[in-house]
Amino acid sequence: MDLEGMQVFVAIADCGTLTAAASKLGITKSTVSRRLAEYEYRVGASLFRRSTRNLSLTDIGKQHYTRVRELIHDAENALADIVNLSAEPKGLLRISASIQGAQAVLAPILWRFKRHYPQVQLELIITDQNVDLIRDGIDFTVRMGDLEDSDLLVRKLATGYRAIVASPDFLSAHFVPKTLADLKRLPAVVTQPNQHLWRFASGESVSVAWTISAGTIVLALDACLQGFGIALLPELACKAQIEQGQLVRLLPDHTLKPVDISLVYPRLQYQSPAARAFLNQLTSGT
C-alpha cells in the first residue's frame, strides 16, 4: 500500500489545491505533484481533473476519497496524539461569529479557554456572513438557526430567542400590527434577502416585504431604530433598546420559533492540538 501517496491524495482533496496541500503536509508543491502522479500510476486511474485554474475529483476519485479519507485522517490524528501527548496546546485558533454571538455566547467560553491555554493565539473574525471554513482557513464558526446538510460537525452552545420590533416613530407613521397578517402590510428590515420568512413556534409563518437588507444585525438594528421598518432581531441585540423605549416589541403573544446557536467545524479534517483542546473543554465544561 502506498500510504504516503494516499495521504497526498486526501490532502489535495481536502484542501482543493496542490499549493494548500503542500502547505498542510509541510512539503513542496512539486513533491505533492510528483507523489500524486506516482499514486495515480499505482492505482491505475486519474483521480483529478486538471486545468490551469481548477482541480476537481473525477468520479473514480470521489469514490476513492470516500473510502480512504477516514483511514488517513484517523492515522494523522493518531500520530498527532502521540506527538502532542505531553505538549501544551499552542498556535493560532481562528473563530468566526457575529458580534452578538461573540459577545453573549462565545466570549465566556474563549476567555475560560485562554486562561487554561495561554500559549494559544485567538483570532476572532466578526461577521454576520456564513464563512467557508476550509477556503478561509477558519477552525470554528458560530451559527444561528437550522443548518444545511453538509459534512460539517455541529455542537449546540445555546438557544437563541428573537423579537419583532419597531420604533415608536415608525408605528406612529404606520400602525401597530394586531395579527400576523398585519406584518405583511408593513415595510421590513432584514439582515439578508433570504430572511424574509418569519417562523413562529405555533408552526405559522409570515413572508414580509423587506425594503432594506442591511447585511449585518448591527445595521439592521440601526435601520429599525431610524424608523425604516419592522425587524426580527435576536433579543440579545435589541433587549436594551426595548427596555429604554427606543423600540417596541410587536405581537408579544406570538412566540417566535427559538433557534439553536451552534459551534460548527469541519468533519474529518486534521485538528490542531489547540482545536482539539477547545473541543475537549466544551465537552468537559471546565
Protein backbone atom coordinates (compact mmCIF):
# COMPACT_ATOMS: atom_id res chain seq x y z
CA MET A 1 0.00 0.00 0.00
CA ASP A 2 1.24 3.47 -0.91
CA LEU A 3 0.07 5.23 2.27
CA GLU A 4 2.25 8.26 1.54
CA GLY A 5 0.64 8.69 -1.87
CA MET A 6 -2.79 8.13 -0.34
CA GLN A 7 -2.08 10.84 2.24
CA VAL A 8 -1.13 13.29 -0.52
CA PHE A 9 -4.29 12.41 -2.47
CA VAL A 10 -6.53 13.02 0.57
CA ALA A 11 -4.74 16.27 1.43
CA ILE A 12 -5.32 17.62 -2.09
CA ALA A 13 -8.99 16.59 -1.98
CA ASP A 14 -9.37 18.24 1.45
CA CYS A 15 -7.61 21.48 0.57
CA GLY A 16 -8.66 21.91 -3.05
CA THR A 17 -5.25 22.90 -4.44
CA LEU A 18 -1.75 21.46 -4.69
CA THR A 19 -0.35 24.56 -3.01
CA ALA A 20 -2.65 24.28 0.01
CA ALA A 21 -1.97 20.55 0.29
CA ALA A 22 1.77 21.17 0.20
CA SER A 23 1.41 23.75 2.99
CA LYS A 24 -0.63 21.35 5.10
CA LEU A 25 1.84 18.47 4.62
CA GLY A 26 4.95 20.64 5.01
CA ILE A 27 6.43 19.65 1.63
CA THR A 28 6.94 21.43 -1.68
CA LYS A 29 4.29 21.75 -4.36
CA SER A 30 6.47 19.85 -6.82
CA THR A 31 6.76 16.96 -4.35
CA VAL A 32 2.97 16.89 -3.98
CA SER A 33 2.55 16.83 -7.76
CA ARG A 34 5.10 14.04 -8.15
CA ARG A 35 3.63 11.88 -5.41
CA LEU A 36 0.14 12.32 -6.82
CA ALA A 37 1.32 11.25 -10.27
CA GLU A 38 3.04 8.20 -8.77
CA TYR A 39 -0.08 7.32 -6.79
CA GLU A 40 -2.36 7.63 -9.81
CA TYR A 41 0.04 5.41 -11.78
CA ARG A 42 -0.01 2.85 -8.97
CA VAL A 43 -3.82 2.73 -8.70
CA GLY A 44 -4.20 2.88 -12.49
CA ALA A 45 -6.71 5.73 -12.61
CA SER A 46 -6.90 9.52 -12.93
CA LEU A 47 -8.20 10.83 -9.62
CA PHE A 48 -8.40 14.54 -10.50
CA ARG A 49 -9.45 16.64 -13.49
CA ARG A 50 -6.87 19.36 -14.03
CA SER A 51 -6.85 22.71 -15.80
CA THR A 52 -4.70 25.80 -15.42
CA ARG A 53 -7.05 27.15 -12.74
CA ASN A 54 -9.20 24.32 -11.43
CA LEU A 55 -8.73 20.95 -9.80
CA SER A 56 -11.66 18.61 -9.17
CA LEU A 57 -12.15 14.95 -8.34
CA THR A 58 -13.13 12.53 -11.08
CA ASP A 59 -15.96 10.09 -10.39
CA ILE A 60 -13.40 7.43 -9.51
CA GLY A 61 -11.55 9.97 -7.38
CA LYS A 62 -14.74 10.80 -5.45
CA GLN A 63 -15.40 7.13 -4.73
CA HIS A 64 -11.81 6.55 -3.68
CA TYR A 65 -11.79 9.64 -1.45
CA THR A 66 -14.94 8.46 0.33
CA ARG A 67 -13.29 5.11 1.04
CA VAL A 68 -9.86 6.27 2.22
CA ARG A 69 -10.31 9.72 3.80
CA GLU A 70 -11.29 8.40 7.22
CA LEU A 71 -8.36 5.99 7.20
CA ILE A 72 -5.85 8.78 6.51
CA HIS A 73 -7.46 11.29 8.89
CA ASP A 74 -7.54 8.74 11.69
CA ALA A 75 -3.88 7.87 11.07
CA GLU A 76 -2.89 11.56 11.10
CA ASN A 77 -4.80 12.19 14.31
CA ALA A 78 -3.31 9.07 15.94
CA LEU A 79 0.22 10.26 15.15
CA ALA A 80 -0.60 13.79 16.29
CA ASP A 81 -1.95 12.43 19.57
CA ILE A 82 1.40 10.76 20.23
CA VAL A 83 3.46 13.78 19.21
CA ASN A 84 1.38 16.18 21.28
CA LEU A 85 0.58 13.93 24.20
CA SER A 86 2.70 15.89 26.64
CA ALA A 87 2.86 19.19 24.79
CA GLU A 88 0.77 22.16 25.85
CA PRO A 89 -1.51 23.36 23.02
CA LYS A 90 -0.19 26.41 21.22
CA GLY A 91 -0.52 28.12 17.88
CA LEU A 92 -3.34 30.03 16.20
CA LEU A 93 -7.07 29.32 16.60
CA ARG A 94 -9.35 31.21 14.16
CA ILE A 95 -13.02 31.51 15.11
CA SER A 96 -15.82 33.30 13.28
CA ALA A 97 -19.00 34.68 14.85
CA SER A 98 -21.47 37.56 14.69
CA ILE A 99 -20.85 40.36 17.16
CA GLN A 100 -23.86 39.27 19.26
CA GLY A 101 -22.83 35.62 19.18
CA ALA A 102 -19.27 36.55 20.09
CA GLN A 103 -20.21 38.80 22.99
CA ALA A 104 -23.04 36.80 24.55
CA VAL A 105 -22.16 33.17 23.84
CA LEU A 106 -18.60 32.77 22.65
CA ALA A 107 -16.65 35.23 24.80
CA PRO A 108 -17.11 33.42 28.15
CA ILE A 109 -16.02 30.15 26.54
CA LEU A 110 -13.00 31.73 24.88
CA TRP A 111 -11.76 33.58 27.97
CA ARG A 112 -12.02 30.40 30.05
CA PHE A 113 -10.12 28.52 27.34
CA LYS A 114 -7.44 31.23 27.17
CA ARG A 115 -6.84 31.01 30.92
CA HIS A 116 -6.28 27.26 30.58
CA TYR A 117 -4.09 27.53 27.47
CA PRO A 118 -2.26 30.90 27.49
CA GLN A 119 0.06 29.93 24.60
CA VAL A 120 -2.82 29.65 22.12
CA GLN A 121 -3.42 32.70 19.92
CA LEU A 122 -7.10 33.55 19.39
CA GLU A 123 -8.15 35.37 16.21
CA LEU A 124 -11.83 36.35 16.05
CA ILE A 125 -13.44 37.06 12.68
CA ILE A 126 -16.58 39.07 13.43
CA THR A 127 -19.13 38.84 10.61
CA ASP A 128 -22.80 38.03 10.05
CA GLN A 129 -21.90 36.25 6.80
CA ASN A 130 -21.53 32.47 6.64
CA VAL A 131 -17.84 31.76 6.10
CA ASP A 132 -16.28 28.88 4.15
CA LEU A 133 -14.26 27.15 6.85
CA ILE A 134 -11.89 25.33 4.50
CA ARG A 135 -11.38 28.13 1.98
CA ASP A 136 -10.99 30.83 4.63
CA GLY A 137 -8.82 28.75 6.95
CA ILE A 138 -11.16 29.06 9.94
CA ASP A 139 -11.23 26.42 12.67
CA PHE A 140 -14.70 27.10 14.10
CA THR A 141 -17.70 29.30 13.39
CA VAL A 142 -20.79 30.14 15.43
CA ARG A 143 -24.08 30.00 13.52
CA MET A 144 -27.71 30.54 14.42
CA GLY A 145 -30.70 28.58 13.16
CA ASP A 146 -31.10 25.45 11.10
CA LEU A 147 -28.01 24.39 9.18
CA GLU A 148 -27.99 22.95 5.70
CA ASP A 149 -26.98 19.31 5.37
CA SER A 150 -23.23 19.18 4.93
CA ASP A 151 -20.05 17.45 6.01
CA LEU A 152 -19.70 19.90 8.89
CA LEU A 153 -19.92 18.88 12.54
CA VAL A 154 -22.14 20.79 14.95
CA ARG A 155 -22.19 21.31 18.71
CA LYS A 156 -25.06 23.24 20.26
CA LEU A 157 -23.89 26.07 22.52
CA ALA A 158 -27.16 27.78 23.47
CA THR A 159 -30.74 28.55 22.43
CA GLY A 160 -31.41 31.90 20.78
CA TYR A 161 -34.62 33.89 21.20
CA ARG A 162 -35.82 36.65 18.89
CA ALA A 163 -38.29 39.52 18.88
CA ILE A 164 -40.20 41.52 16.27
CA VAL A 165 -39.65 45.21 16.95
CA ALA A 166 -40.24 48.67 15.53
CA SER A 167 -39.53 52.22 16.62
CA PRO A 168 -42.33 54.35 18.17
CA ASP A 169 -41.98 56.90 15.34
CA PHE A 170 -42.43 54.18 12.72
CA LEU A 171 -45.57 52.87 14.43
CA SER A 172 -46.98 56.42 14.67
CA ALA A 173 -46.45 56.89 10.94
CA HIS A 174 -47.96 53.49 10.07
CA PHE A 175 -49.93 51.34 12.53
CA VAL A 176 -49.41 48.82 15.32
CA PRO A 177 -49.90 45.31 13.92
CA LYS A 178 -52.53 43.23 15.73
CA THR A 179 -52.30 39.99 13.75
CA LEU A 180 -49.63 38.04 11.88
CA ALA A 181 -51.28 39.04 8.61
CA ASP A 182 -50.69 42.72 9.51
CA LEU A 183 -46.93 42.14 9.30
CA LYS A 184 -47.25 41.67 5.53
CA ARG A 185 -48.60 45.22 5.20
CA LEU A 186 -45.58 46.88 6.80
CA PRO A 187 -42.12 47.54 5.30
CA ALA A 188 -39.48 45.37 6.93
CA VAL A 189 -35.76 45.44 7.61
CA VAL A 190 -33.89 42.14 7.29
CA THR A 191 -30.26 41.12 7.65
CA GLN A 192 -30.14 39.06 4.44
CA PRO A 193 -32.59 38.90 1.50
CA ASN A 194 -33.40 35.24 2.21
CA GLN A 195 -34.55 36.06 5.77
CA HIS A 196 -37.97 37.36 4.79
CA LEU A 197 -39.85 34.26 6.08
CA TRP A 198 -40.55 34.67 9.79
CA ARG A 199 -41.43 31.42 11.56
CA PHE A 200 -43.40 31.15 14.79
CA ALA A 201 -43.48 28.50 17.49
CA SER A 202 -47.11 27.76 16.58
CA GLY A 203 -45.96 26.50 13.18
CA GLU A 204 -47.29 29.56 11.37
CA SER A 205 -45.04 31.69 9.17
CA VAL A 206 -45.23 35.09 7.51
CA SER A 207 -43.33 36.34 4.48
CA VAL A 208 -42.63 40.05 4.99
CA ALA A 209 -41.92 42.66 2.32
CA TRP A 210 -38.44 43.96 3.07
CA THR A 211 -37.23 47.35 1.87
CA ILE A 212 -33.76 47.18 3.44
CA SER A 213 -31.43 44.18 3.61
CA ALA A 214 -28.83 45.55 6.00
CA GLY A 215 -26.12 42.88 5.71
CA THR A 216 -25.43 42.76 9.45
CA ILE A 217 -27.56 42.56 12.58
CA VAL A 218 -25.99 45.79 13.87
CA LEU A 219 -27.07 47.73 10.78
CA ALA A 220 -30.49 46.08 10.75
CA LEU A 221 -30.96 47.24 14.35
CA ASP A 222 -29.86 50.77 13.43
CA ALA A 223 -32.21 50.89 10.41
CA CYS A 224 -35.06 49.80 12.66
CA LEU A 225 -34.18 52.48 15.22
CA GLN A 226 -34.20 55.03 12.40
CA GLY A 227 -37.80 54.10 11.62
CA PHE A 228 -37.36 52.36 8.29
CA GLY A 229 -39.39 49.27 9.13
CA ILE A 230 -40.23 46.40 11.43
CA ALA A 231 -37.43 43.94 12.12
CA LEU A 232 -36.94 40.45 13.53
CA LEU A 233 -33.83 40.62 15.70
CA PRO A 234 -32.07 38.48 18.30
CA GLU A 235 -33.22 39.51 21.76
CA LEU A 236 -29.55 39.87 22.70
CA ALA A 237 -29.21 42.61 20.08
CA CYS A 238 -32.29 44.68 20.95
CA LYS A 239 -33.05 44.00 24.63
CA ALA A 240 -31.54 47.28 25.86
CA GLN A 241 -33.38 49.34 23.23
CA ILE A 242 -36.70 47.72 24.20
CA GLU A 243 -36.10 48.42 27.90
CA GLN A 244 -35.19 52.05 27.10
CA GLY A 245 -38.31 52.58 25.00
CA GLN A 246 -36.40 53.11 21.75
CA LEU A 247 -38.07 50.01 20.29
CA VAL A 248 -41.45 48.41 20.83
CA ARG A 249 -41.89 44.63 20.89
CA LEU A 250 -44.66 43.67 18.48
CA LEU A 251 -47.14 40.79 18.80
CA PRO A 252 -45.65 39.53 22.10
CA ASP A 253 -48.30 36.79 22.31
CA HIS A 254 -46.97 35.22 19.12
CA THR A 255 -43.76 33.50 20.18
CA LEU A 256 -41.11 33.16 17.51
CA LYS A 257 -39.53 29.78 16.91
CA PRO A 258 -36.33 29.53 19.02
CA VAL A 259 -33.11 28.85 17.14
CA ASP A 260 -30.04 26.87 18.05
CA ILE A 261 -26.75 28.71 18.46
CA SER A 262 -24.15 26.18 17.38
CA LEU A 263 -20.42 25.77 17.02
CA VAL A 264 -19.65 24.42 13.53
CA TYR A 265 -16.38 22.89 12.36
CA PRO A 266 -15.07 20.66 9.53
CA ARG A 267 -15.61 16.91 9.58
CA LEU A 268 -12.60 14.58 9.40
CA GLN A 269 -10.12 17.41 8.95
CA TYR A 270 -6.93 17.15 10.99
CA GLN A 271 -7.46 19.20 14.12
CA SER A 272 -4.55 21.07 15.66
CA PRO A 273 -3.80 20.47 19.36
CA ALA A 274 -5.35 23.87 20.12
CA ALA A 275 -8.56 23.00 18.27
CA ARG A 276 -8.84 19.63 19.98
CA ALA A 277 -8.22 21.22 23.39
CA PHE A 278 -11.01 23.71 22.62
CA LEU A 279 -13.44 20.90 21.77
CA ASN A 280 -12.40 18.93 24.84
CA GLN A 281 -13.12 21.93 27.03
CA LEU A 282 -16.61 22.27 25.55
CA THR A 283 -17.25 18.61 26.30
CA SER A 284 -15.91 18.75 29.85
CA GLY A 285 -17.47 22.13 30.63
CA THR A 286 -14.42 23.17 32.64
